[in-house]
C-alpha cells in the first residue's frame, strides 16, 4: 500500500522536530527518522497499529519514543492523519 501523509501530519512532524532541535538537533533528526521508518512499515503491514480511538482509524505507537501516529486505510492507501506526543 502507498503511504500518504496528510498536510496536518507533516506539519506535526515538522513542529516536533523544531521543538526537539531547540535542545538537541541530533536527537530531533533521530526521532523524525524513527517515526518515518516505523510509519513506512505500514505499507506492507497496514494492520500493525492498534484500533484507534476514532472510528475507522488505527494508531501506531512509535517504539522508543512518546509519539503516536493515527492513520486510516482508504482507497488502498494508508493515510497518516497526525503525529502527536502521547501526553496530548
Protein backbone atom coordinates (compact mmCIF):
# COMPACT_ATOMS: atom_id res chain seq x y z
CA UNK A 1 0.00 0.00 0.00
CA UNK A 2 1.05 3.56 -0.59
CA UNK A 3 1.72 5.81 2.41
CA UNK A 4 0.11 9.26 2.11
CA UNK A 5 0.99 11.92 4.69
CA UNK A 6 -1.77 14.48 5.17
CA UNK A 7 -0.61 18.10 5.49
CA UNK A 8 -1.55 18.15 9.17
CA UNK A 9 0.65 15.14 9.89
CA UNK A 10 3.62 16.66 8.06
CA UNK A 11 3.13 19.91 9.96
CA UNK A 12 3.00 17.97 13.24
CA UNK A 13 6.26 16.18 12.40
CA UNK A 14 7.96 19.47 11.48
CA UNK A 15 6.81 21.06 14.75
CA UNK A 16 8.07 18.09 16.76
CA UNK A 17 11.46 18.29 15.03
CA UNK A 18 11.73 22.05 15.61
CA UNK A 19 10.83 21.70 19.29
CA UNK A 20 13.34 18.91 19.97
CA UNK A 21 16.04 20.63 17.89
CA UNK A 22 16.00 23.61 20.24
CA UNK A 23 17.69 21.35 22.79
CA UNK A 24 19.39 18.76 20.60
CA UNK A 25 19.32 18.78 16.78
CA UNK A 26 20.81 15.28 16.58
CA UNK A 27 18.02 13.83 18.70
CA UNK A 28 15.44 15.70 16.61
CA UNK A 29 16.77 14.06 13.44
CA UNK A 30 16.77 10.66 15.15
CA UNK A 31 13.16 10.98 16.34
CA UNK A 32 11.96 12.03 12.88
CA UNK A 33 13.88 9.13 11.36
CA UNK A 34 12.32 6.64 13.80
CA UNK A 35 8.81 7.96 13.09
CA UNK A 36 9.28 7.74 9.32
CA UNK A 37 10.85 4.26 9.48
CA UNK A 38 8.03 2.88 11.58
CA UNK A 39 5.30 4.57 9.51
CA UNK A 40 6.85 3.05 6.37
CA UNK A 41 6.22 -0.41 7.85
CA UNK A 42 2.51 0.28 7.35
CA UNK A 43 2.96 -0.06 3.57
CA UNK A 44 3.33 -3.82 4.00
CA UNK A 45 1.66 -4.24 7.41
CA UNK A 46 -1.30 -1.83 7.46
CA UNK A 47 -2.91 -3.54 10.46
CA UNK A 48 0.26 -3.07 12.54
CA UNK A 49 -1.29 -0.35 14.70
CA UNK A 50 -3.94 -0.84 17.35
CA UNK A 51 -7.60 0.12 16.78
CA UNK A 52 -7.91 3.89 17.04
CA UNK A 53 -9.96 5.99 19.43
CA UNK A 54 -11.81 7.43 16.44
CA UNK A 55 -13.98 5.01 14.45
CA UNK A 56 -12.29 3.91 11.23
CA UNK A 57 -8.77 4.73 12.37
CA UNK A 58 -5.80 2.87 13.78
CA UNK A 59 -2.93 4.16 15.94
CA UNK A 60 0.71 3.30 15.52
CA UNK A 61 2.66 3.64 18.76
CA UNK A 62 6.17 4.69 17.79
CA UNK A 63 8.65 2.48 19.64
CA UNK A 64 11.35 4.13 21.76
CA UNK A 65 9.54 7.48 21.66
CA UNK A 66 6.47 9.05 23.23
CA UNK A 67 4.75 9.59 19.88
CA UNK A 68 1.57 8.21 18.39
CA UNK A 69 0.53 8.23 14.72
CA UNK A 70 -3.18 7.88 13.96
CA UNK A 71 -3.92 6.65 10.44
CA UNK A 72 -6.67 5.19 8.30
CA UNK A 73 -6.77 2.86 5.36
CA UNK A 74 -8.63 4.39 2.43
CA UNK A 75 -8.65 3.54 -1.29
CA UNK A 76 -5.75 1.09 -0.92
CA UNK A 77 -3.65 3.80 0.76
CA UNK A 78 -2.51 4.34 4.32
CA UNK A 79 -3.32 7.95 5.21
CA UNK A 80 -1.21 9.38 8.02
CA UNK A 81 -3.54 11.74 9.86
CA UNK A 82 -1.39 13.22 12.62
CA UNK A 83 1.70 12.76 14.74
CA UNK A 84 1.45 13.71 18.38
CA UNK A 85 3.04 13.22 21.78
CA UNK A 86 1.25 10.68 23.96
CA UNK A 87 0.78 13.33 26.66
CA UNK A 88 -1.65 15.20 24.37
